[in-house]
Amino acid sequence: MQFMVMTQRYSDQYSEEEFASVLPEETETVRKLYAEGVVRQIWLRADGPGACFLLEAASLEEAQAAVDALPLAREQMSEFRIIPLRPYGGFGPR
């Protein structure tokens, strides 16, 4: 099952220096999840500080556990919105 995860940094509560201290571990954790096939694609948001990524998990609970492993989630420095996805039916048989 795939999930869209939308993140937004709490820039009003944390300084750029505080984010900079966590980002190397965040990057390494995302790389590990990507290598494991959990994170499928990731983008930085152009509308503000944060990211958007596709996550592969068997359940919402498993997706939440993957998100909770991220340092920015663990330190509560960003909001993480997990959105379950379902297949688009418009390409199937009529």
C-alpha atoms as a PDB file:
ATOM      1  CA  MET A   1       0.000   0.000   0.000  1.00  0.00           C
ATOM      2  CA  GLN A   2       1.278   3.484  -0.765  1.00  0.00           C
ATOM      3  CA  PHE A   3       1.026   6.634   1.308  1.00  0.00           C
ATOM      4  CA  MET A   4       1.709  10.266   0.468  1.00  0.00           C
ATOM      5  CA  VAL A   5       3.496  12.016   3.315  1.00  0.00           C
ATOM      6  CA  MET A   6       3.420  15.808   3.393  1.00  0.00           C
ATOM      7  CA  THR A   7       5.789  17.527   5.800  1.00  0.00           C
ATOM      8  CA  GLN A   8       6.100  21.108   6.903  1.00  0.00           C
ATOM      9  CA  ARG A   9       8.831  22.389   9.177  1.00  0.00           C
ATOM     10  CA  TYR A  10       7.905  24.287  12.318  1.00  0.00           C
ATOM     11  CA  SER A  11      10.058  27.223  11.201  1.00  0.00           C
ATOM     12  CA  ASP A  12       8.303  29.542  13.630  1.00  0.00           C
ATOM     13  CA  GLN A  13       9.443  27.403  16.589  1.00  0.00           C
ATOM     14  CA  TYR A  14      12.975  26.351  15.561  1.00  0.00           C
ATOM     15  CA  SER A  15      15.935  28.232  14.108  1.00  0.00           C
ATOM     16  CA  GLU A  16      17.776  27.314  10.919  1.00  0.00           C
ATOM     17  CA  GLU A  17      20.721  26.291  13.114  1.00  0.00           C
ATOM     18  CA  GLU A  18      18.508  23.846  15.021  1.00  0.00           C
ATOM     19  CA  PHE A  19      17.277  22.330  11.751  1.00  0.00           C
ATOM     20  CA  ALA A  20      20.834  22.178  10.411  1.00  0.00           C
ATOM     21  CA  SER A  21      21.884  20.116  13.435  1.00  0.00           C
ATOM     22  CA  VAL A  22      19.239  17.450  12.691  1.00  0.00           C
ATOM     23  CA  LEU A  23      19.285  17.379   8.868  1.00  0.00           C
ATOM     24  CA  PRO A  24      22.368  15.143   8.382  1.00  0.00           C
ATOM     25  CA  GLU A  25      20.726  12.355  10.417  1.00  0.00           C
ATOM     26  CA  GLU A  26      17.399  13.005   8.658  1.00  0.00           C
ATOM     27  CA  THR A  27      19.106  12.623   5.272  1.00  0.00           C
ATOM     28  CA  GLU A  28      20.789   9.377   6.293  1.00  0.00           C
ATOM     29  CA  THR A  29      17.527   7.958   7.644  1.00  0.00           C
ATOM     30  CA  VAL A  30      15.697   8.821   4.405  1.00  0.00           C
ATOM     31  CA  ARG A  31      18.523   7.210   2.368  1.00  0.00           C
ATOM     32  CA  LYS A  32      18.221   4.040   4.451  1.00  0.00           C
ATOM     33  CA  LEU A  33      14.429   3.938   4.009  1.00  0.00           C
ATOM     34  CA  TYR A  34      14.885   4.516   0.263  1.00  0.00           C
ATOM     35  CA  ALA A  35      17.415   1.669   0.018  1.00  0.00           C
ATOM     36  CA  GLU A  36      14.936  -0.583   1.847  1.00  0.00           C
ATOM     37  CA  GLY A  37      12.128   0.328  -0.592  1.00  0.00           C
ATOM     38  CA  VAL A  38      10.071   2.110   2.065  1.00  0.00           C
ATOM     39  CA  VAL A  39      10.535   5.616   0.653  1.00  0.00           C
ATOM     40  CA  ARG A  40       9.815   5.372  -3.082  1.00  0.00           C
ATOM     41  CA  GLN A  41      10.150   9.000  -4.186  1.00  0.00           C
ATOM     42  CA  ILE A  42      10.814  12.273  -2.387  1.00  0.00           C
ATOM     43  CA  TRP A  43      10.616  15.947  -3.307  1.00  0.00           C
ATOM     44  CA  LEU A  44      11.314  19.183  -1.481  1.00  0.00           C
ATOM     45  CA  ARG A  45       8.327  21.495  -1.377  1.00  0.00           C
ATOM     46  CA  ALA A  46       8.576  24.673  -3.452  1.00  0.00           C
ATOM     47  CA  ASP A  47       5.864  26.434  -1.432  1.00  0.00           C
ATOM     48  CA  GLY A  48       7.771  26.419   1.867  1.00  0.00           C
ATOM     49  CA  PRO A  49      10.145  24.428   4.047  1.00  0.00           C
ATOM     50  CA  GLY A  50       9.224  20.764   3.997  1.00  0.00           C
ATOM     51  CA  ALA A  51       9.053  17.700   1.808  1.00  0.00           C
ATOM     52  CA  CYS A  52       6.595  15.369   0.136  1.00  0.00           C
ATOM     53  CA  PHE A  53       7.309  11.671  -0.309  1.00  0.00           C
ATOM     54  CA  LEU A  54       5.718   8.399  -1.361  1.00  0.00           C
ATOM     55  CA  LEU A  55       6.030   5.681   1.226  1.00  0.00           C
ATOM     56  CA  GLU A  56       5.396   1.936   0.795  1.00  0.00           C
ATOM     57  CA  ALA A  57       3.954   0.119   3.831  1.00  0.00           C
ATOM     58  CA  ALA A  58       1.598  -2.748   4.606  1.00  0.00           C
ATOM     59  CA  SER A  59      -0.639  -0.615   6.838  1.00  0.00           C
ATOM     60  CA  LEU A  60      -1.152   2.874   8.204  1.00  0.00           C
ATOM     61  CA  GLU A  61       0.497   1.735  11.438  1.00  0.00           C
ATOM     62  CA  GLU A  62       3.600   0.594   9.535  1.00  0.00           C
ATOM     63  CA  ALA A  63       3.682   3.900   7.638  1.00  0.00           C
ATOM     64  CA  GLN A  64       3.412   5.783  10.926  1.00  0.00           C
ATOM     65  CA  ALA A  65       6.300   3.755  12.370  1.00  0.00           C
ATOM     66  CA  ALA A  66       8.482   4.663   9.367  1.00  0.00           C
ATOM     67  CA  VAL A  67       7.637   8.347   9.776  1.00  0.00           C
ATOM     68  CA  ASP A  68       8.260   8.173  13.528  1.00  0.00           C
ATOM     69  CA  ALA A  69      11.804   6.916  12.788  1.00  0.00           C
ATOM     70  CA  LEU A  70      12.657  10.222  11.089  1.00  0.00           C
ATOM     71  CA  PRO A  71      14.655  12.602  13.306  1.00  0.00           C
ATOM     72  CA  LEU A  72      12.490  15.618  12.420  1.00  0.00           C
ATOM     73  CA  ALA A  73       9.443  13.641  13.566  1.00  0.00           C
ATOM     74  CA  ARG A  74      11.176  12.269  16.661  1.00  0.00           C
ATOM     75  CA  GLU A  75      12.267  15.799  17.666  1.00  0.00           C
ATOM     76  CA  GLN A  76       8.786  17.172  16.777  1.00  0.00           C
ATOM     77  CA  MET A  77      10.363  19.794  14.512  1.00  0.00           C
ATOM     78  CA  SER A  78       8.004  19.183  11.571  1.00  0.00           C
ATOM     79  CA  GLU A  79       4.407  18.280  10.928  1.00  0.00           C
ATOM     80  CA  PHE A  80       3.937  14.958   9.093  1.00  0.00           C
ATOM     81  CA  ARG A  81       0.607  14.286   7.365  1.00  0.00           C
ATOM     82  CA  ILE A  82       0.205  10.680   6.178  1.00  0.00           C
ATOM     83  CA  ILE A  83      -2.363  10.231   3.404  1.00  0.00           C
ATOM     84  CA  PRO A  84      -3.375   6.697   2.308  1.00  0.00           C
ATOM     85  CA  LEU A  85      -3.560   6.307  -1.471  1.00  0.00           C
ATOM     86  CA  ARG A  86      -5.662   3.993  -3.633  1.00  0.00           C
ATOM     87  CA  PRO A  87      -5.363   3.144  -7.308  1.00  0.00           C
ATOM     88  CA  TYR A  88      -6.913   5.453  -9.874  1.00  0.00           C
ATOM     89  CA  GLY A  89      -9.764   3.591 -11.562  1.00  0.00           C
ATOM     90  CA  GLY A  90      -9.903   5.648 -14.749  1.00  0.00           C
ATOM     91  CA  PHE A  91      -7.385   3.451 -16.617  1.00  0.00           C
ATOM     92  CA  GLY A  92      -9.195   0.173 -16.015  1.00  0.00           C
ATOM     93  CA  PRO A  93     -11.676  -1.612 -18.264  1.00  0.00           C
ATOM     94  CA  ARG A  94     -14.917   0.168 -19.061  1.00  0.00           C
END
